[in-house]
Amino acid sequence: MPNADAGSVAAWSDAFAREGYFVVERAVDGALLAGLQADADCAIREERERLERGEDLYVPVSKLDDRYVISGFVRRSESVRQLVFSEVMAAVCRASLGEEAYLYSETFVVKAPNNEHGWIWHQDSSYLEYVGCGHYPPNLSVWVALDDMTPHNGALRVLPFTTLDVRKVIPHDFTKPWTSQDVVDLGGRDGMPMYIPAGSLVAMDGALPHASDNNRSERYCRAYLVQYSRQPVLKDGQPVQLAVPFVREGVRRVPDIGEVRR
């Protein structure tokens, strides 16, 4: 794990406020990284089987032998919980959100070898707008590379706020497929690629535009995406997704499994 002392957190906080993101290289390594990679492989196998059976999907953007988005491993994986509620994640939350942070969502995001589609430009908190919760401030997205990210496997690209100053969520047209550039117009820019080693993370403001190309390599391109919110995100009094307290008054807490599975 990297050094998450007061100086590091201050530097991350400055970068987050100025650019909308920051990178922590090799934030995860050793047995934890191996455990997350094994979980990702399990998630791929299970999602492929669901697609082959024609089942309805919890996240209906997966496509067989193309790309997969699989949620729910925080309820079943010790490795995922170890990451999601780690001290480094608490430090990332303090740098980005402040003294309060709640686990909001978590997913494996995977591209198959030589797949067809990457991810169009978008803002993660556009979903809040879509479900009628746009009055909440943007969430924090933490994207964790589970493989080395290269020009060939569709590395994440970001549009820093100093390049395109969009600190609020732009409406997305979710009637369009997630392969269409018509979902949102962010100017057709190239963005800044995140060529980072496995285990590195990119902490992004929920309003930060980001995208990625398709995977042109012979291996899966695996990542894990976790979102935290400043407060529980509710609709009609119920959480939109998760609302698990994590950082309270600046202090990290590790929820028990009952809270996560609730």
C-alpha atoms as a PDB file:
ATOM      1  CA  MET A   1       0.000   0.000   0.000  1.00  0.00           C
ATOM      2  CA  PRO A   2       1.255   3.554  -0.733  1.00  0.00           C
ATOM      3  CA  ASN A   3       2.002   6.157   1.888  1.00  0.00           C
ATOM      4  CA  ALA A   4      -1.273   7.878   2.811  1.00  0.00           C
ATOM      5  CA  ASP A   5       0.111  10.426   5.266  1.00  0.00           C
ATOM      6  CA  ALA A   6      -1.247  13.955   5.681  1.00  0.00           C
ATOM      7  CA  GLY A   7       1.013  15.306   2.935  1.00  0.00           C
ATOM      8  CA  SER A   8      -0.147  12.721   0.428  1.00  0.00           C
ATOM      9  CA  VAL A   9      -3.809  13.314   1.256  1.00  0.00           C
ATOM     10  CA  ALA A  10      -3.332  17.076   0.867  1.00  0.00           C
ATOM     11  CA  ALA A  11      -1.680  16.609  -2.537  1.00  0.00           C
ATOM     12  CA  TRP A  12      -4.463  14.267  -3.662  1.00  0.00           C
ATOM     13  CA  SER A  13      -7.070  16.753  -2.451  1.00  0.00           C
ATOM     14  CA  ASP A  14      -5.450  19.623  -4.370  1.00  0.00           C
ATOM     15  CA  ALA A  15      -5.291  17.575  -7.578  1.00  0.00           C
ATOM     16  CA  PHE A  16      -8.894  16.424  -7.161  1.00  0.00           C
ATOM     17  CA  ALA A  17     -10.172  19.987  -6.732  1.00  0.00           C
ATOM     18  CA  ARG A  18      -8.110  21.300  -9.655  1.00  0.00           C
ATOM     19  CA  GLU A  19      -8.275  18.450 -12.205  1.00  0.00           C
ATOM     20  CA  GLY A  20     -11.185  16.309 -11.013  1.00  0.00           C
ATOM     21  CA  TYR A  21      -9.003  13.237 -10.481  1.00  0.00           C
ATOM     22  CA  PHE A  22      -5.746  11.887  -9.092  1.00  0.00           C
ATOM     23  CA  VAL A  23      -3.753   8.679  -9.520  1.00  0.00           C
ATOM     24  CA  VAL A  24      -2.258   6.458  -6.818  1.00  0.00           C
ATOM     25  CA  GLU A  25       0.144   3.997  -8.408  1.00  0.00           C
ATOM     26  CA  ARG A  26       0.369   0.457  -7.010  1.00  0.00           C
ATOM     27  CA  ALA A  27      -2.230   1.127  -4.338  1.00  0.00           C
ATOM     28  CA  VAL A  28      -2.997  -2.610  -4.271  1.00  0.00           C
ATOM     29  CA  ASP A  29      -0.466  -5.419  -4.554  1.00  0.00           C
ATOM     30  CA  GLY A  30       0.494  -8.889  -3.387  1.00  0.00           C
ATOM     31  CA  ALA A  31      -2.171 -11.279  -2.150  1.00  0.00           C
ATOM     32  CA  LEU A  32      -4.929  -8.659  -2.262  1.00  0.00           C
ATOM     33  CA  LEU A  33      -4.331  -7.884  -5.939  1.00  0.00           C
ATOM     34  CA  ALA A  34      -4.205 -11.622  -6.708  1.00  0.00           C
ATOM     35  CA  GLY A  35      -7.483 -12.122  -4.825  1.00  0.00           C
ATOM     36  CA  LEU A  36      -9.202  -9.362  -6.773  1.00  0.00           C
ATOM     37  CA  GLN A  37      -7.939 -10.777 -10.065  1.00  0.00           C
ATOM     38  CA  ALA A  38      -9.303 -14.199  -9.107  1.00  0.00           C
ATOM     39  CA  ASP A  39     -12.659 -12.615  -8.199  1.00  0.00           C
ATOM     40  CA  ALA A  40     -12.725 -10.844 -11.565  1.00  0.00           C
ATOM     41  CA  ASP A  41     -12.122 -14.138 -13.358  1.00  0.00           C
ATOM     42  CA  CYS A  42     -14.950 -15.738 -11.353  1.00  0.00           C
ATOM     43  CA  ALA A  43     -17.241 -12.816 -12.217  1.00  0.00           C
ATOM     44  CA  ILE A  44     -16.411 -13.207 -15.924  1.00  0.00           C
ATOM     45  CA  ARG A  45     -17.206 -16.931 -15.901  1.00  0.00           C
ATOM     46  CA  GLU A  46     -20.516 -16.410 -14.129  1.00  0.00           C
ATOM     47  CA  GLU A  47     -21.562 -13.487 -16.358  1.00  0.00           C
ATOM     48  CA  ARG A  48     -20.719 -15.447 -19.504  1.00  0.00           C
ATOM     49  CA  GLU A  49     -22.864 -18.331 -18.267  1.00  0.00           C
ATOM     50  CA  ARG A  50     -25.773 -15.964 -17.566  1.00  0.00           C
ATOM     51  CA  LEU A  51     -25.474 -14.490 -21.049  1.00  0.00           C
ATOM     52  CA  GLU A  52     -25.295 -17.920 -22.653  1.00  0.00           C
ATOM     53  CA  ARG A  53     -28.480 -18.903 -20.799  1.00  0.00           C
ATOM     54  CA  GLY A  54     -30.198 -15.685 -21.888  1.00  0.00           C
ATOM     55  CA  GLU A  55     -30.896 -14.515 -18.326  1.00  0.00           C
ATOM     56  CA  ASP A  56     -31.885 -10.980 -17.427  1.00  0.00           C
ATOM     57  CA  LEU A  57     -28.859  -9.103 -16.098  1.00  0.00           C
ATOM     58  CA  TYR A  58     -28.594  -6.874 -13.043  1.00  0.00           C
ATOM     59  CA  VAL A  59     -26.476  -4.447 -15.100  1.00  0.00           C
ATOM     60  CA  PRO A  60     -27.844  -4.806 -18.658  1.00  0.00           C
ATOM     61  CA  VAL A  61     -24.791  -3.565 -20.559  1.00  0.00           C
ATOM     62  CA  SER A  62     -22.845  -6.838 -20.607  1.00  0.00           C
ATOM     63  CA  LYS A  63     -22.464  -8.498 -24.004  1.00  0.00           C
ATOM     64  CA  LEU A  64     -21.068 -11.968 -24.594  1.00  0.00           C
ATOM     65  CA  ASP A  65     -17.398 -11.984 -25.609  1.00  0.00           C
ATOM     66  CA  ASP A  66     -17.397  -8.188 -25.644  1.00  0.00           C
ATOM     67  CA  ARG A  67     -17.577  -6.493 -22.250  1.00  0.00           C
ATOM     68  CA  TYR A  68     -18.926  -7.335 -18.796  1.00  0.00           C
ATOM     69  CA  VAL A  69     -20.117  -5.296 -15.823  1.00  0.00           C
ATOM     70  CA  ILE A  70     -20.696  -7.440 -12.725  1.00  0.00           C
ATOM     71  CA  SER A  71     -21.848  -6.175  -9.314  1.00  0.00           C
ATOM     72  CA  GLY A  72     -22.396  -7.762  -5.918  1.00  0.00           C
ATOM     73  CA  PHE A  73     -18.994  -9.181  -4.988  1.00  0.00           C
ATOM     74  CA  VAL A  74     -18.747  -6.941  -1.914  1.00  0.00           C
ATOM     75  CA  ARG A  75     -21.362  -9.223  -0.362  1.00  0.00           C
ATOM     76  CA  ARG A  76     -19.414 -12.430  -1.070  1.00  0.00           C
ATOM     77  CA  SER A  77     -15.693 -11.660  -1.397  1.00  0.00           C
ATOM     78  CA  GLU A  78     -13.276 -11.028   1.464  1.00  0.00           C
ATOM     79  CA  SER A  79     -10.782  -9.525  -1.020  1.00  0.00           C
ATOM     80  CA  VAL A  80     -13.334  -7.004  -2.278  1.00  0.00           C
ATOM     81  CA  ARG A  81     -14.325  -5.987   1.251  1.00  0.00           C
ATOM     82  CA  GLN A  82     -10.658  -5.693   2.222  1.00  0.00           C
ATOM     83  CA  LEU A  83     -10.147  -3.252  -0.653  1.00  0.00           C
ATOM     84  CA  VAL A  84     -13.397  -1.306  -0.401  1.00  0.00           C
ATOM     85  CA  PHE A  85     -13.015  -0.667   3.342  1.00  0.00           C
ATOM     86  CA  SER A  86      -9.205  -0.313   3.384  1.00  0.00           C
ATOM     87  CA  GLU A  87      -7.245   2.536   4.922  1.00  0.00           C
ATOM     88  CA  VAL A  88      -6.027   3.650   1.501  1.00  0.00           C
ATOM     89  CA  MET A  89      -9.654   3.943   0.317  1.00  0.00           C
ATOM     90  CA  ALA A  90     -10.497   5.882   3.475  1.00  0.00           C
ATOM     91  CA  ALA A  91      -7.623   8.267   2.703  1.00  0.00           C
ATOM     92  CA  VAL A  92      -8.837   8.626  -0.892  1.00  0.00           C
ATOM     93  CA  CYS A  93     -12.331   9.425   0.406  1.00  0.00           C
ATOM     94  CA  ARG A  94     -11.000  12.033   2.849  1.00  0.00           C
ATOM     95  CA  ALA A  95      -9.042  13.698   0.054  1.00  0.00           C
ATOM     96  CA  SER A  96     -12.046  13.751  -2.267  1.00  0.00           C
ATOM     97  CA  LEU A  97     -15.249  13.845  -0.234  1.00  0.00           C
ATOM     98  CA  GLY A  98     -14.182  15.128   3.167  1.00  0.00           C
ATOM     99  CA  GLU A  99     -15.033  13.720   6.575  1.00  0.00           C
ATOM    100  CA  GLU A 100     -18.011  11.554   5.568  1.00  0.00           C
ATOM    101  CA  ALA A 101     -18.165   8.739   3.019  1.00  0.00           C
ATOM    102  CA  TYR A 102     -20.624   5.940   2.276  1.00  0.00           C
ATOM    103  CA  LEU A 103     -20.159   2.954  -0.012  1.00  0.00           C
ATOM    104  CA  TYR A 104     -22.554   3.552  -2.910  1.00  0.00           C
ATOM    105  CA  SER A 105     -21.805   0.916  -5.577  1.00  0.00           C
ATOM    106  CA  GLU A 106     -19.169  -1.559  -6.763  1.00  0.00           C
ATOM    107  CA  THR A 107     -18.619  -3.438 -10.030  1.00  0.00           C
ATOM    108  CA  PHE A 108     -16.053  -5.387 -11.966  1.00  0.00           C
ATOM    109  CA  VAL A 109     -15.651  -3.835 -15.435  1.00  0.00           C
ATOM    110  CA  VAL A 110     -14.037  -6.155 -17.979  1.00  0.00           C
ATOM    111  CA  LYS A 111     -13.304  -6.164 -21.695  1.00  0.00           C
ATOM    112  CA  ALA A 112     -12.875  -9.451 -23.527  1.00  0.00           C
ATOM    113  CA  PRO A 113      -9.806 -10.065 -25.711  1.00  0.00           C
ATOM    114  CA  ASN A 114     -10.065  -8.308 -29.088  1.00  0.00           C
ATOM    115  CA  ASN A 115     -13.513  -7.050 -28.197  1.00  0.00           C
ATOM    116  CA  GLU A 116     -15.671  -4.651 -30.187  1.00  0.00           C
ATOM    117  CA  HIS A 117     -16.635  -1.885 -27.768  1.00  0.00           C
ATOM    118  CA  GLY A 118     -14.924   0.359 -25.271  1.00  0.00           C
ATOM    119  CA  TRP A 119     -16.828   2.939 -23.228  1.00  0.00           C
ATOM    120  CA  ILE A 120     -18.087   6.181 -24.711  1.00  0.00           C
ATOM    121  CA  TRP A 121     -17.400   9.508 -23.024  1.00  0.00           C
ATOM    122  CA  HIS A 122     -19.632   9.835 -19.974  1.00  0.00           C
ATOM    123  CA  GLN A 123     -19.845  11.040 -16.376  1.00  0.00           C
ATOM    124  CA  ASP A 124     -20.529   8.399 -13.728  1.00  0.00           C
ATOM    125  CA  SER A 125     -22.950  10.575 -11.760  1.00  0.00           C
ATOM    126  CA  SER A 126     -25.150  10.949 -14.838  1.00  0.00           C
ATOM    127  CA  TYR A 127     -26.951   7.925 -13.378  1.00  0.00           C
ATOM    128  CA  LEU A 128     -28.006  10.024 -10.379  1.00  0.00           C
ATOM    129  CA  GLU A 129     -29.529  12.547 -12.757  1.00  0.00           C
ATOM    130  CA  TYR A 130     -31.258   9.761 -14.666  1.00  0.00           C
ATOM    131  CA  VAL A 131     -32.958   8.286 -11.581  1.00  0.00           C
ATOM    132  CA  GLY A 132     -34.067  11.689 -10.301  1.00  0.00           C
ATOM    133  CA  CYS A 133     -31.297  12.190  -7.743  1.00  0.00           C
ATOM    134  CA  GLY A 134     -29.388  14.925  -9.529  1.00  0.00           C
ATOM    135  CA  HIS A 135     -29.776  17.176  -6.473  1.00  0.00           C
ATOM    136  CA  TYR A 136     -27.123  15.078  -4.730  1.00  0.00           C
ATOM    137  CA  PRO A 137     -23.502  16.137  -5.269  1.00  0.00           C
ATOM    138  CA  PRO A 138     -21.512  13.906  -7.634  1.00  0.00           C
ATOM    139  CA  ASN A 139     -20.203  10.686  -6.150  1.00  0.00           C
ATOM    140  CA  LEU A 140     -16.551   9.695  -6.000  1.00  0.00           C
ATOM    141  CA  SER A 141     -15.554   6.944  -8.461  1.00  0.00           C
ATOM    142  CA  VAL A 142     -12.418   4.933  -7.725  1.00  0.00           C
ATOM    143  CA  TRP A 143     -11.276   2.885 -10.716  1.00  0.00           C
ATOM    144  CA  VAL A 144      -8.745   0.182  -9.873  1.00  0.00           C
ATOM    145  CA  ALA A 145      -6.643  -1.370 -12.650  1.00  0.00           C
ATOM    146  CA  LEU A 146      -6.370  -5.141 -12.162  1.00  0.00           C
ATOM    147  CA  ASP A 147      -4.059  -5.465 -15.174  1.00  0.00           C
ATOM    148  CA  ASP A 148      -1.323  -3.240 -16.571  1.00  0.00           C
ATOM    149  CA  MET A 149      -3.085  -0.625 -18.700  1.00  0.00           C
ATOM    150  CA  THR A 150      -1.518  -0.064 -22.116  1.00  0.00           C
ATOM    151  CA  PRO A 151      -2.278   1.568 -25.485  1.00  0.00           C
ATOM    152  CA  HIS A 152      -3.418  -1.875 -26.706  1.00  0.00           C
ATOM    153  CA  ASN A 153      -5.942  -3.007 -24.100  1.00  0.00           C
ATOM    154  CA  GLY A 154      -8.203   0.038 -23.928  1.00  0.00           C
ATOM    155  CA  ALA A 155      -6.822   2.045 -21.023  1.00  0.00           C
ATOM    156  CA  LEU A 156      -9.040   4.542 -19.236  1.00  0.00           C
ATOM    157  CA  ARG A 157      -8.945   8.106 -20.606  1.00  0.00           C
ATOM    158  CA  VAL A 158     -10.008  11.209 -18.681  1.00  0.00           C
ATOM    159  CA  LEU A 159     -10.809  14.826 -19.520  1.00  0.00           C
ATOM    160  CA  PRO A 160      -9.310  16.914 -16.689  1.00  0.00           C
ATOM    161  CA  PHE A 161     -11.336  19.882 -15.487  1.00  0.00           C
ATOM    162  CA  THR A 162      -8.483  22.142 -16.642  1.00  0.00           C
ATOM    163  CA  THR A 163      -9.053  20.794 -20.169  1.00  0.00           C
ATOM    164  CA  LEU A 164     -12.861  20.786 -20.181  1.00  0.00           C
ATOM    165  CA  ASP A 165     -14.401  22.625 -17.241  1.00  0.00           C
ATOM    166  CA  VAL A 166     -17.578  20.582 -16.678  1.00  0.00           C
ATOM    167  CA  ARG A 167     -17.925  20.318 -12.926  1.00  0.00           C
ATOM    168  CA  LYS A 168     -21.623  19.559 -13.134  1.00  0.00           C
ATOM    169  CA  VAL A 169     -23.317  16.590 -14.734  1.00  0.00           C
ATOM    170  CA  ILE A 170     -24.458  17.133 -18.309  1.00  0.00           C
ATOM    171  CA  PRO A 171     -27.748  15.370 -19.170  1.00  0.00           C
ATOM    172  CA  HIS A 172     -27.178  11.994 -20.848  1.00  0.00           C
ATOM    173  CA  ASP A 173     -29.689  10.482 -23.278  1.00  0.00           C
ATOM    174  CA  PHE A 174     -30.161   6.972 -21.918  1.00  0.00           C
ATOM    175  CA  THR A 175     -32.591   6.109 -24.695  1.00  0.00           C
ATOM    176  CA  LYS A 176     -29.479   5.740 -26.861  1.00  0.00           C
ATOM    177  CA  PRO A 177     -27.374   2.559 -26.621  1.00  0.00           C
ATOM    178  CA  TRP A 178     -24.166   2.754 -24.580  1.00  0.00           C
ATOM    179  CA  THR A 179     -22.206   2.273 -27.794  1.00  0.00           C
ATOM    180  CA  SER A 180     -23.525   5.510 -29.289  1.00  0.00           C
ATOM    181  CA  GLN A 181     -21.697   8.832 -29.150  1.00  0.00           C
ATOM    182  CA  ASP A 182     -25.168  10.439 -29.083  1.00  0.00           C
ATOM    183  CA  VAL A 183     -25.594   9.650 -25.378  1.00  0.00           C
ATOM    184  CA  VAL A 184     -23.781  12.881 -24.477  1.00  0.00           C
ATOM    185  CA  ASP A 185     -21.761  15.498 -26.367  1.00  0.00           C
ATOM    186  CA  LEU A 186     -18.428  16.259 -24.725  1.00  0.00           C
ATOM    187  CA  GLY A 187     -16.718  17.675 -27.774  1.00  0.00           C
ATOM    188  CA  GLY A 188     -15.104  14.575 -29.242  1.00  0.00           C
ATOM    189  CA  ARG A 189     -11.778  15.094 -27.453  1.00  0.00           C
ATOM    190  CA  ASP A 190      -9.053  12.461 -27.095  1.00  0.00           C
ATOM    191  CA  GLY A 191      -8.472  12.871 -23.368  1.00  0.00           C
ATOM    192  CA  MET A 192      -5.527  11.818 -21.229  1.00  0.00           C
ATOM    193  CA  PRO A 193      -4.770   8.069 -21.182  1.00  0.00           C
ATOM    194  CA  MET A 194      -4.097   6.333 -17.881  1.00  0.00           C
ATOM    195  CA  TYR A 195      -1.218   3.986 -18.723  1.00  0.00           C
ATOM    196  CA  ILE A 196      -0.722   2.657 -15.217  1.00  0.00           C
ATOM    197  CA  PRO A 197       0.474  -0.623 -13.683  1.00  0.00           C
ATOM    198  CA  ALA A 198      -1.838  -3.233 -12.200  1.00  0.00           C
ATOM    199  CA  GLY A 199      -2.983  -2.322  -8.711  1.00  0.00           C
ATOM    200  CA  SER A 200      -3.040   1.424  -9.402  1.00  0.00           C
ATOM    201  CA  LEU A 201      -6.165   3.482  -8.865  1.00  0.00           C
ATOM    202  CA  VAL A 202      -7.698   6.572 -10.421  1.00  0.00           C
ATOM    203  CA  ALA A 203      -9.964   8.585  -8.104  1.00  0.00           C
ATOM    204  CA  MET A 204     -12.457  10.602 -10.180  1.00  0.00           C
ATOM    205  CA  ASP A 205     -15.100  13.201  -9.447  1.00  0.00           C
ATOM    206  CA  GLY A 206     -18.467  11.809 -10.567  1.00  0.00           C
ATOM    207  CA  ALA A 207     -18.696  14.731 -13.006  1.00  0.00           C
ATOM    208  CA  LEU A 208     -15.310  13.988 -14.621  1.00  0.00           C
ATOM    209  CA  PRO A 209     -15.729  12.881 -18.260  1.00  0.00           C
ATOM    210  CA  HIS A 210     -13.946   9.626 -19.024  1.00  0.00           C
ATOM    211  CA  ALA A 211     -13.953   6.929 -21.691  1.00  0.00           C
ATOM    212  CA  SER A 212     -11.917   4.029 -23.038  1.00  0.00           C
ATOM    213  CA  ASP A 213     -11.274   2.249 -26.327  1.00  0.00           C
ATOM    214  CA  ASN A 214     -11.840  -1.402 -27.106  1.00  0.00           C
ATOM    215  CA  ASN A 215      -9.345  -4.051 -26.019  1.00  0.00           C
ATOM    216  CA  ARG A 216      -7.049  -4.987 -28.910  1.00  0.00           C
ATOM    217  CA  SER A 217      -4.938  -7.413 -26.877  1.00  0.00           C
ATOM    218  CA  GLU A 218      -5.165 -11.202 -26.534  1.00  0.00           C
ATOM    219  CA  ARG A 219      -6.028 -11.080 -22.814  1.00  0.00           C
ATOM    220  CA  TYR A 220      -8.923  -9.814 -20.735  1.00  0.00           C
ATOM    221  CA  CYS A 221      -8.636  -6.210 -19.540  1.00  0.00           C
ATOM    222  CA  ARG A 222      -9.917  -6.212 -15.954  1.00  0.00           C
ATOM    223  CA  ALA A 223     -10.773  -3.334 -13.636  1.00  0.00           C
ATOM    224  CA  TYR A 224     -12.811  -2.779 -10.495  1.00  0.00           C
ATOM    225  CA  LEU A 225     -14.944   0.335  -9.985  1.00  0.00           C
ATOM    226  CA  VAL A 226     -16.216   1.417  -6.576  1.00  0.00           C
ATOM    227  CA  GLN A 227     -18.235   4.555  -5.845  1.00  0.00           C
ATOM    228  CA  TYR A 228     -18.585   6.415  -2.565  1.00  0.00           C
ATOM    229  CA  SER A 229     -21.064   9.178  -1.722  1.00  0.00           C
ATOM    230  CA  ARG A 230     -20.925  12.049   0.779  1.00  0.00           C
ATOM    231  CA  GLN A 231     -24.252  10.993   2.249  1.00  0.00           C
ATOM    232  CA  PRO A 232     -26.770   8.202   1.622  1.00  0.00           C
ATOM    233  CA  VAL A 233     -28.322   8.648  -1.828  1.00  0.00           C
ATOM    234  CA  LEU A 234     -32.041   8.098  -1.306  1.00  0.00           C
ATOM    235  CA  LYS A 235     -35.147   8.019  -3.457  1.00  0.00           C
ATOM    236  CA  ASP A 236     -38.555   7.766  -1.800  1.00  0.00           C
ATOM    237  CA  GLY A 237     -36.695   7.263   1.468  1.00  0.00           C
ATOM    238  CA  GLN A 238     -34.774   4.184   0.265  1.00  0.00           C
ATOM    239  CA  PRO A 239     -31.142   3.873  -0.918  1.00  0.00           C
ATOM    240  CA  VAL A 240     -30.798   3.997  -4.710  1.00  0.00           C
ATOM    241  CA  GLN A 241     -27.997   1.446  -4.440  1.00  0.00           C
ATOM    242  CA  LEU A 242     -25.842   0.920  -1.321  1.00  0.00           C
ATOM    243  CA  ALA A 243     -25.565   3.287   1.641  1.00  0.00           C
ATOM    244  CA  VAL A 244     -22.985   1.665   3.917  1.00  0.00           C
ATOM    245  CA  PRO A 245     -21.253   4.080   6.351  1.00  0.00           C
ATOM    246  CA  PHE A 246     -17.478   3.951   5.849  1.00  0.00           C
ATOM    247  CA  VAL A 247     -15.806   7.211   6.956  1.00  0.00           C
ATOM    248  CA  ARG A 248     -17.567   9.026   9.803  1.00  0.00           C
ATOM    249  CA  GLU A 249     -16.203  12.352  11.082  1.00  0.00           C
ATOM    250  CA  GLY A 250     -12.949  11.508   9.333  1.00  0.00           C
ATOM    251  CA  VAL A 251     -12.538   8.127  11.029  1.00  0.00           C
ATOM    252  CA  ARG A 252     -12.468   4.915   9.012  1.00  0.00           C
ATOM    253  CA  ARG A 253     -14.842   2.199  10.136  1.00  0.00           C
ATOM    254  CA  VAL A 254     -15.048  -1.359   8.817  1.00  0.00           C
ATOM    255  CA  PRO A 255     -18.705  -2.407   8.456  1.00  0.00           C
ATOM    256  CA  ASP A 256     -19.618  -5.957   9.408  1.00  0.00           C
ATOM    257  CA  ILE A 257     -20.934  -8.324   6.766  1.00  0.00           C
ATOM    258  CA  GLY A 258     -24.489  -7.846   7.972  1.00  0.00           C
ATOM    259  CA  GLU A 259     -24.394  -4.137   7.103  1.00  0.00           C
ATOM    260  CA  VAL A 260     -23.027  -4.890   3.637  1.00  0.00           C
ATOM    261  CA  ARG A 261     -25.611  -7.572   2.888  1.00  0.00           C
ATOM    262  CA  ARG A 262     -28.538  -5.554   4.213  1.00  0.00           C
END
